[in-house]
Amino acid sequence: MPAEASVEEQTRQALRNVEAVLKADHMSLSHVVSTTVYLADLDDFARFNAAYAEFFGTSAPPARATVEVARVPRDAKVEISAIAVR
């Protein structure tokens, strides 16, 4: 995804990628128990969070740590790591 894509679109793509990895192992986002989010700019948090909620909702999302980092690979705005269990 191009670095100039919005943080919302980068978030959606990252989570679609997580979904694809989970699906390959016969799991879904409902198996995710924890995520770590790396944002290039915490000022983007509200916009990121809105896109994130499209995938996990707001009533019982997985545990999450969100941190601002100096740089994300490929100059992306967001990177997401997820832990899933059966």
N, C-alpha and C. Protein backbone atom coordinates (compact mmCIF):
# COMPACT_ATOMS: atom_id res chain seq x y z
N MET A 1 0.85 -1.17 0.00
CA MET A 1 0.00 0.00 0.00
C MET A 1 0.89 1.23 0.00
N PRO A 2 0.58 2.20 -0.83
CA PRO A 2 1.40 3.41 -0.88
C PRO A 2 1.40 4.17 0.45
N ALA A 3 2.54 4.73 0.78
CA ALA A 3 2.67 5.49 2.02
C ALA A 3 1.73 6.68 2.06
N GLU A 4 1.32 7.18 0.91
CA GLU A 4 0.43 8.34 0.89
C GLU A 4 -1.03 7.97 1.16
N ALA A 5 -1.34 6.67 1.24
CA ALA A 5 -2.70 6.25 1.58
C ALA A 5 -3.02 6.74 3.00
N SER A 6 -4.28 7.00 3.25
CA SER A 6 -4.69 7.51 4.56
C SER A 6 -4.46 6.47 5.65
N VAL A 7 -4.39 6.93 6.88
CA VAL A 7 -4.21 6.00 8.00
C VAL A 7 -5.41 5.06 8.09
N GLU A 8 -6.59 5.53 7.74
CA GLU A 8 -7.77 4.66 7.77
C GLU A 8 -7.61 3.52 6.76
N GLU A 9 -7.22 3.84 5.53
CA GLU A 9 -7.08 2.81 4.51
C GLU A 9 -5.92 1.87 4.84
N GLN A 10 -4.83 2.40 5.38
CA GLN A 10 -3.73 1.53 5.77
C GLN A 10 -4.15 0.60 6.91
N THR A 11 -4.96 1.09 7.83
CA THR A 11 -5.47 0.26 8.92
C THR A 11 -6.36 -0.84 8.37
N ARG A 12 -7.27 -0.49 7.48
CA ARG A 12 -8.16 -1.49 6.88
C ARG A 12 -7.35 -2.55 6.14
N GLN A 13 -6.34 -2.14 5.38
CA GLN A 13 -5.54 -3.10 4.63
C GLN A 13 -4.75 -4.00 5.57
N ALA A 14 -4.17 -3.43 6.61
CA ALA A 14 -3.42 -4.24 7.57
C ALA A 14 -4.34 -5.29 8.20
N LEU A 15 -5.55 -4.90 8.55
CA LEU A 15 -6.47 -5.85 9.17
C LEU A 15 -7.02 -6.86 8.18
N ARG A 16 -7.17 -6.47 6.91
CA ARG A 16 -7.54 -7.45 5.88
C ARG A 16 -6.42 -8.48 5.73
N ASN A 17 -5.17 -8.02 5.84
CA ASN A 17 -4.03 -8.94 5.77
C ASN A 17 -4.04 -9.91 6.95
N VAL A 18 -4.32 -9.39 8.14
CA VAL A 18 -4.42 -10.25 9.33
C VAL A 18 -5.53 -11.28 9.12
N GLU A 19 -6.67 -10.83 8.62
CA GLU A 19 -7.78 -11.74 8.34
C GLU A 19 -7.37 -12.86 7.39
N ALA A 20 -6.62 -12.51 6.35
CA ALA A 20 -6.19 -13.51 5.36
C ALA A 20 -5.27 -14.55 5.99
N VAL A 21 -4.35 -14.10 6.83
CA VAL A 21 -3.45 -15.04 7.51
C VAL A 21 -4.24 -15.97 8.43
N LEU A 22 -5.18 -15.40 9.16
CA LEU A 22 -6.00 -16.20 10.05
C LEU A 22 -6.86 -17.20 9.28
N LYS A 23 -7.44 -16.74 8.19
CA LYS A 23 -8.30 -17.61 7.38
C LYS A 23 -7.51 -18.80 6.85
N ALA A 24 -6.25 -18.58 6.48
CA ALA A 24 -5.41 -19.67 5.97
C ALA A 24 -5.22 -20.76 7.02
N ASP A 25 -5.40 -20.42 8.29
CA ASP A 25 -5.29 -21.39 9.38
C ASP A 25 -6.66 -21.69 9.99
N HIS A 26 -7.72 -21.43 9.22
CA HIS A 26 -9.09 -21.72 9.63
C HIS A 26 -9.49 -20.98 10.90
N MET A 27 -9.04 -19.74 11.02
CA MET A 27 -9.43 -18.89 12.13
C MET A 27 -10.00 -17.58 11.57
N SER A 28 -10.46 -16.72 12.48
CA SER A 28 -11.00 -15.42 12.09
C SER A 28 -10.56 -14.38 13.11
N LEU A 29 -10.98 -13.15 12.88
CA LEU A 29 -10.63 -12.08 13.81
C LEU A 29 -11.20 -12.34 15.21
N SER A 30 -12.21 -13.16 15.31
CA SER A 30 -12.77 -13.48 16.63
C SER A 30 -11.78 -14.27 17.48
N HIS A 31 -10.76 -14.84 16.86
CA HIS A 31 -9.72 -15.57 17.58
C HIS A 31 -8.61 -14.66 18.11
N VAL A 32 -8.62 -13.40 17.70
CA VAL A 32 -7.57 -12.47 18.12
C VAL A 32 -7.81 -12.06 19.57
N VAL A 33 -6.78 -12.23 20.40
CA VAL A 33 -6.90 -11.89 21.81
C VAL A 33 -6.10 -10.64 22.17
N SER A 34 -5.16 -10.27 21.30
CA SER A 34 -4.32 -9.11 21.60
C SER A 34 -3.72 -8.55 20.31
N THR A 35 -3.64 -7.23 20.25
CA THR A 35 -2.94 -6.59 19.14
C THR A 35 -1.97 -5.55 19.68
N THR A 36 -0.94 -5.33 18.91
CA THR A 36 -0.02 -4.23 19.18
C THR A 36 -0.03 -3.38 17.93
N VAL A 37 -0.29 -2.10 18.12
CA VAL A 37 -0.40 -1.16 17.00
C VAL A 37 0.74 -0.17 17.08
N TYR A 38 1.41 0.01 15.97
CA TYR A 38 2.51 0.96 15.86
C TYR A 38 2.04 2.07 14.92
N LEU A 39 1.88 3.26 15.47
CA LEU A 39 1.45 4.42 14.67
C LEU A 39 2.63 5.36 14.47
N ALA A 40 2.77 5.86 13.26
CA ALA A 40 3.81 6.83 12.98
C ALA A 40 3.50 8.17 13.64
N ASP A 41 2.20 8.43 13.89
CA ASP A 41 1.80 9.70 14.49
C ASP A 41 0.56 9.48 15.36
N LEU A 42 0.70 9.63 16.66
CA LEU A 42 -0.45 9.42 17.56
C LEU A 42 -1.58 10.42 17.32
N ASP A 43 -1.30 11.51 16.62
CA ASP A 43 -2.37 12.42 16.25
C ASP A 43 -3.38 11.74 15.32
N ASP A 44 -2.99 10.62 14.71
CA ASP A 44 -3.88 9.86 13.82
C ASP A 44 -4.72 8.84 14.60
N PHE A 45 -4.59 8.80 15.93
CA PHE A 45 -5.24 7.75 16.71
C PHE A 45 -6.75 7.69 16.50
N ALA A 46 -7.44 8.79 16.55
CA ALA A 46 -8.90 8.77 16.41
C ALA A 46 -9.32 8.22 15.06
N ARG A 47 -8.63 8.61 14.02
CA ARG A 47 -8.95 8.12 12.67
C ARG A 47 -8.61 6.63 12.54
N PHE A 48 -7.46 6.23 13.09
CA PHE A 48 -7.09 4.82 13.12
C PHE A 48 -8.14 4.02 13.88
N ASN A 49 -8.52 4.50 15.05
CA ASN A 49 -9.44 3.78 15.93
C ASN A 49 -10.79 3.56 15.27
N ALA A 50 -11.27 4.53 14.51
CA ALA A 50 -12.55 4.38 13.81
C ALA A 50 -12.46 3.24 12.79
N ALA A 51 -11.38 3.17 12.04
CA ALA A 51 -11.20 2.10 11.06
C ALA A 51 -11.02 0.75 11.75
N TYR A 52 -10.27 0.73 12.84
CA TYR A 52 -10.03 -0.49 13.61
C TYR A 52 -11.36 -1.05 14.13
N ALA A 53 -12.23 -0.16 14.59
CA ALA A 53 -13.53 -0.58 15.13
C ALA A 53 -14.42 -1.23 14.06
N GLU A 54 -14.19 -0.92 12.79
CA GLU A 54 -14.94 -1.57 11.72
C GLU A 54 -14.70 -3.08 11.71
N PHE A 55 -13.54 -3.51 12.20
CA PHE A 55 -13.18 -4.92 12.19
C PHE A 55 -13.43 -5.59 13.53
N PHE A 56 -13.23 -4.88 14.62
CA PHE A 56 -13.34 -5.48 15.94
C PHE A 56 -14.52 -4.97 16.76
N GLY A 57 -15.21 -3.96 16.28
CA GLY A 57 -16.32 -3.41 17.04
C GLY A 57 -15.81 -2.64 18.26
N THR A 58 -16.72 -2.25 19.11
CA THR A 58 -16.33 -1.48 20.29
C THR A 58 -16.77 -2.14 21.60
N SER A 59 -17.62 -3.16 21.52
CA SER A 59 -18.14 -3.74 22.76
C SER A 59 -17.15 -4.68 23.44
N ALA A 60 -16.40 -5.48 22.69
CA ALA A 60 -15.46 -6.42 23.30
C ALA A 60 -14.26 -6.66 22.38
N PRO A 61 -13.55 -5.61 22.01
CA PRO A 61 -12.39 -5.81 21.14
C PRO A 61 -11.26 -6.50 21.91
N PRO A 62 -10.29 -7.06 21.19
CA PRO A 62 -9.16 -7.69 21.88
C PRO A 62 -8.34 -6.66 22.65
N ALA A 63 -7.55 -7.14 23.60
CA ALA A 63 -6.63 -6.24 24.30
C ALA A 63 -5.73 -5.58 23.27
N ARG A 64 -5.34 -4.33 23.55
CA ARG A 64 -4.54 -3.61 22.56
C ARG A 64 -3.55 -2.68 23.23
N ALA A 65 -2.36 -2.66 22.68
CA ALA A 65 -1.36 -1.65 23.04
C ALA A 65 -1.11 -0.84 21.79
N THR A 66 -1.12 0.46 21.93
CA THR A 66 -0.85 1.35 20.79
C THR A 66 0.28 2.28 21.17
N VAL A 67 1.29 2.32 20.31
CA VAL A 67 2.45 3.17 20.58
C VAL A 67 2.81 3.97 19.33
N GLU A 68 3.37 5.14 19.57
CA GLU A 68 3.91 5.93 18.48
C GLU A 68 5.36 5.51 18.29
N VAL A 69 5.74 5.32 17.04
CA VAL A 69 7.11 4.92 16.73
C VAL A 69 7.74 5.96 15.81
N ALA A 70 9.06 6.01 15.82
CA ALA A 70 9.77 6.99 15.00
C ALA A 70 9.54 6.73 13.52
N ARG A 71 9.44 5.45 13.16
CA ARG A 71 9.26 5.13 11.75
C ARG A 71 8.70 3.73 11.62
N VAL A 72 7.77 3.56 10.70
CA VAL A 72 7.19 2.26 10.38
C VAL A 72 7.82 1.80 9.07
N PRO A 73 8.09 0.49 8.89
CA PRO A 73 8.67 0.05 7.63
C PRO A 73 7.91 0.58 6.41
N ARG A 74 8.68 0.88 5.38
CA ARG A 74 8.15 1.41 4.12
C ARG A 74 7.43 2.74 4.31
N ASP A 75 7.74 3.43 5.39
CA ASP A 75 7.15 4.73 5.69
C ASP A 75 5.62 4.69 5.78
N ALA A 76 5.11 3.54 6.19
CA ALA A 76 3.66 3.41 6.40
C ALA A 76 3.25 4.25 7.60
N LYS A 77 1.97 4.43 7.76
CA LYS A 77 1.43 5.18 8.89
C LYS A 77 1.07 4.27 10.06
N VAL A 78 0.86 2.98 9.77
CA VAL A 78 0.42 2.03 10.80
C VAL A 78 0.94 0.64 10.49
N GLU A 79 1.23 -0.08 11.56
CA GLU A 79 1.56 -1.51 11.48
C GLU A 79 0.85 -2.18 12.64
N ILE A 80 0.31 -3.37 12.39
CA ILE A 80 -0.46 -4.06 13.42
C ILE A 80 0.04 -5.50 13.55
N SER A 81 0.32 -5.88 14.79
CA SER A 81 0.70 -7.24 15.13
C SER A 81 -0.45 -7.84 15.93
N ALA A 82 -0.80 -9.10 15.65
CA ALA A 82 -1.92 -9.71 16.34
C ALA A 82 -1.55 -11.08 16.88
N ILE A 83 -2.12 -11.43 18.02
CA ILE A 83 -1.98 -12.76 18.60
C ILE A 83 -3.37 -13.38 18.62
N ALA A 84 -3.49 -14.56 18.04
CA ALA A 84 -4.77 -15.25 18.00
C ALA A 84 -4.62 -16.64 18.63
N VAL A 85 -5.69 -17.10 19.27
CA VAL A 85 -5.70 -18.43 19.88
C VAL A 85 -7.00 -19.14 19.50
N ARG A 86 -6.91 -20.43 19.47
CA ARG A 86 -8.11 -21.24 19.18
C ARG A 86 -8.91 -21.45 20.44
